[in-house]
Amino acid sequence: MASTSTFLLLALTAFPLLCMGAAAFDYPPLVKGLSWTFYKSSCPKAESIRDVGLAAGLLRIHYHDCFVQGCDGSVLLDDSDGEKFAPPNLSLRQSGFNVINDIRNLLQKECGRVVSCADIAALAARDSIFLVEGPDYKVPTGRRDGLTFASRATTLESLPLPSSNATSLITALGKLNLDTNDLVALSGGHSIGIGHCSNFTDRLYPTQDPVMDKTFANNLKRTCPPANTENENVLDIRSPNVFDNKYYVNLMKQQGLFTSDQTLHTDSKTRDLVISFAVDQSLFFEKFAYSVAKMGMLNVLTGSQGEIRANCSIRNPFRADEALSTLVDGDGEAAAF
């Protein structure tokens, strides 16, 4: 994978093309307080100053932020009692958090403290997907950063496990007003990234999951012997470094890594969508753009709510409503001092 500086250069030069192409998809209605052009006046380069790498890690941070108390940047906070250090988030890449803070610093030098960390996380996920050949899609902006983080118990309850079946996944996402289409489309995020052996060895030992392709299982056993659960395997064996629809082809071939992946093909409620995405990448990209935008508006804070952090890992030493005066014009664009 290219260096961080290379990704920054690519993002800067590609930005005009990104804006032109992104309009092709359909999107859900915007949540009040968000806008497609929120930073047009206050920070015109907010979507072009980007330091993007670690595509899977950045996308996963965005998912884990939104699934737990909404897209408020709370997963970025360094607190031993918070979301970031709850068991499901311990595998989130520290380098991804570092990249988000690096972007925070670049934007603050350019525009002052006007772009939220929650928006940075959403934009970084979008750009990282594009830079590994995925769809370029629009991200509504105007989120504010949360003043609190979820407890470990809430985090555990909110994030589905790799061992989840389709029924439990549908129930979990249904609580967030995400439907079956969203579930299958968002699961396509596993087109890139890695899985730790500890999250799928239950499908290998003591008895092999009969749903799993035998050759695929034998290769996994070499990577993950019974005494070693620390090794890793790519989530998509066909094109691990490209964001495409091969993840769904894997499921049709019984080569999904996690139970939560393979169940999407074995369950009649989700199988047809898996097949549709496996045979039509354009359809997958279209539905992914819609669903990731929909997910990105879950329980957002806007306007005078929350704060805009100077450091994405640390709450400001004072409340946003005591420190910032934000004016929103008729186009939803904000200016803050």
Protein backbone atom coordinates (compact mmCIF):
# COMPACT_ATOMS: atom_id res chain seq x y z
CA MET A 1 0.00 0.00 0.00
CA ALA A 2 1.18 3.48 -0.82
CA SER A 3 2.63 5.77 1.79
CA THR A 4 0.55 8.32 3.65
CA SER A 5 2.10 11.19 1.70
CA THR A 6 1.28 9.44 -1.57
CA PHE A 7 -2.35 9.12 -0.55
CA LEU A 8 -2.45 12.81 0.33
CA LEU A 9 -1.08 13.73 -3.09
CA LEU A 10 -3.54 11.44 -4.86
CA ALA A 11 -6.45 12.84 -2.88
CA LEU A 12 -5.52 16.43 -3.62
CA THR A 13 -5.16 15.87 -7.36
CA ALA A 14 -8.24 13.67 -7.65
CA PHE A 15 -10.61 15.96 -5.76
CA PRO A 16 -12.17 17.75 -8.77
CA LEU A 17 -12.98 14.38 -10.34
CA LEU A 18 -14.40 13.06 -7.08
CA CYS A 19 -16.93 15.85 -6.91
CA MET A 20 -18.04 15.30 -10.51
CA GLY A 21 -18.50 11.54 -10.20
CA ALA A 22 -20.15 11.38 -6.81
CA ALA A 23 -23.44 12.90 -7.96
CA ALA A 24 -24.36 9.79 -9.99
CA PHE A 25 -25.73 7.83 -7.03
CA ASP A 26 -29.05 8.20 -5.26
CA TYR A 27 -28.89 9.20 -1.58
CA PRO A 28 -31.24 9.15 1.41
CA PRO A 29 -32.86 12.40 2.58
CA LEU A 30 -30.49 14.52 4.63
CA VAL A 31 -30.87 14.75 8.38
CA LYS A 32 -31.64 18.30 9.53
CA GLY A 33 -28.39 20.16 10.17
CA LEU A 34 -26.31 18.31 7.58
CA SER A 35 -25.48 19.62 4.12
CA TRP A 36 -23.62 18.50 1.01
CA THR A 37 -21.74 21.84 1.06
CA PHE A 38 -21.50 22.58 4.78
CA TYR A 39 -17.89 23.85 4.64
CA LYS A 40 -18.16 25.69 1.32
CA SER A 41 -17.67 29.09 2.99
CA SER A 42 -15.89 28.33 6.25
CA CYS A 43 -13.35 25.78 4.98
CA PRO A 44 -13.46 25.27 1.20
CA LYS A 45 -10.61 22.75 1.29
CA ALA A 46 -12.17 20.58 3.98
CA GLU A 47 -12.75 17.83 1.44
CA SER A 48 -9.45 18.20 -0.40
CA ILE A 49 -6.89 18.30 2.43
CA ARG A 50 -6.79 14.56 3.07
CA ASP A 51 -4.14 12.22 4.41
CA VAL A 52 -5.71 8.91 3.52
CA GLY A 53 -4.31 5.41 3.98
CA LEU A 54 -5.21 2.25 5.79
CA ALA A 55 -8.46 2.02 3.90
CA ALA A 56 -10.00 -0.87 5.82
CA GLY A 57 -8.99 0.61 9.17
CA LEU A 58 -10.49 4.02 8.40
CA LEU A 59 -13.72 2.53 7.09
CA ARG A 60 -14.01 0.34 10.19
CA ILE A 61 -13.48 3.32 12.51
CA HIS A 62 -16.36 5.11 10.74
CA TYR A 63 -18.63 2.05 11.09
CA HIS A 64 -17.78 1.54 14.77
CA ASP A 65 -18.33 5.21 15.50
CA CYS A 66 -21.77 5.31 13.90
CA PHE A 67 -23.07 2.00 15.24
CA VAL A 68 -22.50 3.08 18.86
CA GLN A 69 -24.54 6.17 19.92
CA GLY A 70 -24.32 7.67 16.44
CA CYS A 71 -21.72 9.32 14.21
CA ASP A 72 -20.30 11.70 16.80
CA GLY A 73 -16.58 10.87 16.84
CA SER A 74 -16.90 9.31 20.30
CA VAL A 75 -14.90 6.21 19.30
CA LEU A 76 -11.90 8.51 18.77
CA LEU A 77 -11.72 9.57 22.42
CA ASP A 78 -8.82 8.28 24.51
CA ASP A 79 -10.41 7.19 27.76
CA SER A 80 -9.87 3.81 29.36
CA ASP A 81 -13.57 3.59 30.27
CA GLY A 82 -14.85 4.52 26.82
CA GLU A 83 -15.73 2.98 23.48
CA LYS A 84 -12.22 2.97 22.06
CA PHE A 85 -11.02 0.47 24.64
CA ALA A 86 -14.09 -1.77 24.71
CA PRO A 87 -13.25 -5.31 23.47
CA PRO A 88 -14.81 -4.96 19.98
CA ASN A 89 -12.71 -1.85 19.32
CA LEU A 90 -9.34 -3.09 20.55
CA SER A 91 -8.57 -4.31 17.03
CA LEU A 92 -9.18 -0.88 15.48
CA ARG A 93 -5.89 0.33 14.06
CA GLN A 94 -4.06 2.96 16.07
CA SER A 95 -2.52 4.14 12.82
CA GLY A 96 -6.06 4.93 11.62
CA PHE A 97 -6.68 7.10 14.67
CA ASN A 98 -3.33 8.79 14.05
CA VAL A 99 -4.28 9.57 10.44
CA ILE A 100 -7.53 11.18 11.57
CA ASN A 101 -5.63 13.39 14.01
CA ASP A 102 -3.13 14.26 11.28
CA ILE A 103 -6.01 15.40 9.07
CA ARG A 104 -7.41 17.35 12.02
CA ASN A 105 -4.09 19.22 12.27
CA LEU A 106 -3.95 19.96 8.53
CA LEU A 107 -7.47 21.35 8.50
CA GLN A 108 -6.95 23.41 11.61
CA LYS A 109 -3.91 25.09 10.03
CA GLU A 110 -5.92 25.81 6.90
CA CYS A 111 -9.29 26.90 8.33
CA GLY A 112 -9.15 27.07 12.11
CA ARG A 113 -11.30 24.82 14.28
CA VAL A 114 -14.37 24.52 12.08
CA VAL A 115 -14.34 20.91 10.83
CA SER A 116 -15.45 18.26 13.31
CA CYS A 117 -13.61 15.01 13.96
CA ALA A 118 -16.85 13.14 13.23
CA ASP A 119 -16.89 14.67 9.75
CA ILE A 120 -13.20 13.91 9.27
CA ALA A 121 -13.81 10.24 10.11
CA ALA A 122 -16.63 10.05 7.55
CA LEU A 123 -14.61 11.83 4.84
CA ALA A 124 -11.48 9.77 5.49
CA ALA A 125 -13.50 6.56 5.10
CA ARG A 126 -14.97 7.85 1.83
CA ASP A 127 -11.59 8.82 0.40
CA SER A 128 -9.85 5.64 1.46
CA ILE A 129 -12.53 3.59 -0.35
CA PHE A 130 -12.06 5.63 -3.52
CA LEU A 131 -8.29 5.24 -3.40
CA VAL A 132 -8.56 1.43 -3.36
CA GLU A 133 -10.77 1.50 -6.47
CA GLY A 134 -14.14 1.64 -4.73
CA PRO A 135 -17.01 4.01 -5.48
CA ASP A 136 -16.65 7.71 -4.96
CA TYR A 137 -19.71 8.85 -3.08
CA LYS A 138 -20.88 12.07 -1.47
CA VAL A 139 -20.72 12.60 2.29
CA PRO A 140 -23.06 15.10 3.94
CA THR A 141 -21.19 17.21 6.48
CA GLY A 142 -22.04 19.36 9.47
CA ARG A 143 -21.70 16.78 12.26
CA ARG A 144 -20.50 17.93 15.65
CA ASP A 145 -18.34 15.90 18.03
CA GLY A 146 -19.94 14.23 21.02
CA LEU A 147 -19.26 15.40 24.54
CA THR A 148 -19.60 11.90 25.95
CA PHE A 149 -18.71 8.35 24.95
CA ALA A 150 -20.67 5.13 25.32
CA SER A 151 -19.88 2.66 28.08
CA ARG A 152 -18.16 -0.62 27.37
CA ALA A 153 -21.46 -2.43 27.97
CA THR A 154 -23.28 -0.26 25.44
CA THR A 155 -20.46 -0.73 22.93
CA LEU A 156 -20.60 -4.51 23.31
CA GLU A 157 -24.36 -4.46 22.88
CA SER A 158 -24.24 -2.23 19.80
CA LEU A 159 -21.59 -3.94 17.67
CA PRO A 160 -22.57 -7.29 16.10
CA LEU A 161 -20.10 -10.14 16.61
CA PRO A 162 -18.34 -12.05 13.78
CA SER A 163 -20.27 -15.10 15.00
CA SER A 164 -23.66 -13.44 14.41
CA ASN A 165 -26.19 -15.01 12.05
CA ALA A 166 -28.36 -13.14 9.56
CA THR A 167 -31.36 -12.99 11.89
CA SER A 168 -29.41 -11.35 14.71
CA LEU A 169 -27.70 -9.00 12.26
CA ILE A 170 -31.04 -7.89 10.82
CA THR A 171 -32.34 -7.31 14.35
CA ALA A 172 -29.24 -5.35 15.41
CA LEU A 173 -29.29 -3.07 12.38
CA GLY A 174 -33.07 -2.74 12.58
CA LYS A 175 -32.63 -1.00 15.94
CA LEU A 176 -30.67 1.64 14.01
CA ASN A 177 -33.34 1.94 11.31
CA LEU A 178 -31.06 0.19 8.82
CA ASP A 179 -32.80 -2.46 6.73
CA THR A 180 -31.76 -5.71 5.04
CA ASN A 181 -30.51 -3.86 1.96
CA ASP A 182 -28.29 -1.73 4.18
CA LEU A 183 -27.00 -4.80 6.03
CA VAL A 184 -25.88 -6.60 2.88
CA ALA A 185 -24.46 -3.48 1.23
CA LEU A 186 -22.53 -2.33 4.32
CA SER A 187 -21.15 -5.85 4.83
CA GLY A 188 -19.36 -5.26 1.53
CA GLY A 189 -16.87 -3.27 3.60
CA HIS A 190 -15.27 -6.67 4.15
CA SER A 191 -14.04 -6.48 0.58
CA ILE A 192 -10.85 -5.14 2.17
CA GLY A 193 -9.10 -5.76 5.45
CA ILE A 194 -8.07 -8.69 7.60
CA GLY A 195 -9.64 -10.95 10.19
CA HIS A 196 -7.96 -12.30 13.31
CA CYS A 197 -7.95 -16.07 13.72
CA SER A 198 -9.72 -15.78 17.05
CA ASN A 199 -12.79 -14.48 15.23
CA PHE A 200 -13.27 -17.49 12.96
CA THR A 201 -11.45 -20.54 14.38
CA ASP A 202 -14.76 -21.68 15.87
CA ARG A 203 -15.62 -22.54 12.25
CA LEU A 204 -12.52 -24.77 12.02
CA TYR A 205 -12.18 -26.47 15.41
CA PRO A 206 -13.13 -28.81 16.93
CA THR A 207 -15.48 -29.49 14.01
CA GLN A 208 -15.27 -27.79 10.65
CA ASP A 209 -18.29 -25.73 9.62
CA PRO A 210 -19.96 -27.82 6.86
CA VAL A 211 -20.94 -24.62 5.06
CA MET A 212 -17.26 -23.68 4.52
CA ASP A 213 -15.52 -24.71 1.30
CA LYS A 214 -13.09 -27.51 2.16
CA THR A 215 -10.06 -26.14 0.30
CA PHE A 216 -10.66 -22.72 1.82
CA ALA A 217 -10.94 -24.29 5.29
CA ASN A 218 -7.71 -26.27 4.86
CA ASN A 219 -5.83 -23.12 3.89
CA LEU A 220 -7.23 -21.35 6.95
CA LYS A 221 -6.10 -24.21 9.18
CA ARG A 222 -2.54 -23.70 7.98
CA THR A 223 -2.78 -20.01 8.81
CA CYS A 224 -4.58 -20.61 12.10
CA PRO A 225 -3.43 -23.83 13.82
CA PRO A 226 -5.40 -24.71 16.98
CA ALA A 227 -2.75 -23.31 19.33
CA ASN A 228 -2.43 -19.95 17.54
CA THR A 229 -5.26 -17.43 17.45
CA GLU A 230 -3.11 -14.34 16.87
CA ASN A 231 -2.51 -14.81 13.14
CA GLU A 232 -4.58 -13.04 10.49
CA ASN A 233 -6.19 -13.79 7.16
CA VAL A 234 -7.51 -11.46 4.46
CA LEU A 235 -11.27 -11.04 4.41
CA ASP A 236 -11.45 -11.31 0.62
CA ILE A 237 -9.23 -14.01 -0.87
CA ARG A 238 -9.85 -12.91 -4.48
CA SER A 239 -8.93 -9.22 -4.42
CA PRO A 240 -7.86 -8.31 -0.86
CA ASN A 241 -6.45 -4.89 -1.74
CA VAL A 242 -9.29 -3.69 -3.97
CA PHE A 243 -12.75 -2.53 -2.92
CA ASP A 244 -15.00 -4.45 -5.30
CA ASN A 245 -17.79 -7.03 -5.40
CA LYS A 246 -15.57 -10.12 -5.07
CA TYR A 247 -16.56 -10.35 -1.40
CA TYR A 248 -20.00 -11.48 -2.55
CA VAL A 249 -18.49 -13.94 -5.02
CA ASN A 250 -16.62 -15.44 -2.07
CA LEU A 251 -19.90 -15.94 -0.21
CA MET A 252 -21.41 -17.74 -3.19
CA LYS A 253 -18.35 -20.00 -3.25
CA GLN A 254 -18.71 -20.69 0.51
CA GLN A 255 -15.51 -18.76 1.19
CA GLY A 256 -16.75 -16.12 3.61
CA LEU A 257 -14.35 -15.74 6.53
CA PHE A 258 -16.76 -14.95 9.38
CA THR A 259 -20.07 -16.57 10.19
CA SER A 260 -21.55 -13.07 9.91
CA ASP A 261 -20.34 -12.97 6.30
CA GLN A 262 -21.33 -16.44 5.11
CA THR A 263 -24.76 -16.29 6.74
CA LEU A 264 -25.75 -13.58 4.28
CA HIS A 265 -25.69 -16.20 1.52
CA THR A 266 -27.07 -19.13 3.47
CA ASP A 267 -30.08 -17.20 4.79
CA SER A 268 -33.02 -16.79 2.40
CA LYS A 269 -33.70 -13.27 3.72
CA THR A 270 -30.39 -11.95 2.38
CA ARG A 271 -29.26 -14.48 -0.27
CA ASP A 272 -30.81 -12.76 -3.30
CA LEU A 273 -29.07 -9.49 -2.48
CA VAL A 274 -25.72 -11.28 -2.18
CA ILE A 275 -26.22 -12.85 -5.60
CA SER A 276 -27.29 -9.53 -7.13
CA PHE A 277 -24.17 -7.77 -5.85
CA ALA A 278 -21.92 -10.68 -6.90
CA VAL A 279 -23.02 -10.42 -10.52
CA ASP A 280 -23.32 -6.63 -10.74
CA GLN A 281 -20.58 -4.49 -9.20
CA SER A 282 -22.25 -1.25 -10.31
CA LEU A 283 -25.36 -2.22 -8.38
CA PHE A 284 -23.25 -2.95 -5.30
CA PHE A 285 -21.50 0.42 -5.56
CA GLU A 286 -24.85 2.20 -5.96
CA LYS A 287 -26.39 0.51 -2.92
CA PHE A 288 -23.23 0.88 -0.84
CA ALA A 289 -23.15 4.65 -1.52
CA TYR A 290 -26.78 4.95 -0.38
CA SER A 291 -26.37 2.79 2.73
CA VAL A 292 -23.08 4.29 3.93
CA ALA A 293 -24.58 7.78 3.59
CA LYS A 294 -27.64 6.61 5.53
CA MET A 295 -25.45 5.06 8.22
CA GLY A 296 -23.39 8.26 8.36
CA MET A 297 -26.46 10.21 9.51
CA LEU A 298 -27.28 8.01 12.51
CA ASN A 299 -28.02 10.12 15.61
CA VAL A 300 -25.78 12.95 14.46
CA LEU A 301 -25.19 16.08 16.52
CA THR A 302 -25.54 19.33 14.57
CA GLY A 303 -25.79 23.08 15.06
CA SER A 304 -25.10 24.06 18.67
CA GLN A 305 -24.99 20.46 19.89
CA GLY A 306 -21.70 18.84 20.89
CA GLU A 307 -18.39 20.50 20.11
CA ILE A 308 -15.62 20.70 17.53
CA ARG A 309 -12.55 19.14 19.06
CA ALA A 310 -9.10 20.63 18.67
CA ASN A 311 -7.70 17.12 19.17
CA CYS A 312 -9.87 14.21 18.01
CA SER A 313 -8.67 12.04 20.89
CA ILE A 314 -9.45 14.50 23.69
CA ARG A 315 -12.53 16.48 24.63
CA ASN A 316 -12.06 20.23 24.66
CA PRO A 317 -11.47 21.59 28.17
CA PHE A 318 -14.73 23.53 27.93
CA ARG A 319 -18.14 22.88 26.43
CA ALA A 320 -18.80 23.82 22.82
CA ASP A 321 -21.69 26.11 23.71
CA GLU A 322 -19.39 28.08 26.00
CA ALA A 323 -16.55 28.32 23.51
CA LEU A 324 -18.01 28.51 20.01
CA SER A 325 -20.54 30.77 18.39
CA THR A 326 -21.85 29.13 15.23
CA LEU A 327 -24.01 30.84 12.64
CA VAL A 328 -25.76 28.82 9.95
CA ASP A 329 -26.79 30.59 6.77
CA GLY A 330 -29.66 29.68 4.46
CA ASP A 331 -27.59 27.08 2.62
CA GLY A 332 -26.66 25.25 5.80
CA GLU A 333 -23.06 26.47 5.67
CA ALA A 334 -21.44 27.27 8.98
CA ALA A 335 -18.92 29.84 10.13
CA ALA A 336 -17.24 29.57 13.51
CA PHE A 337 -14.47 31.52 15.23
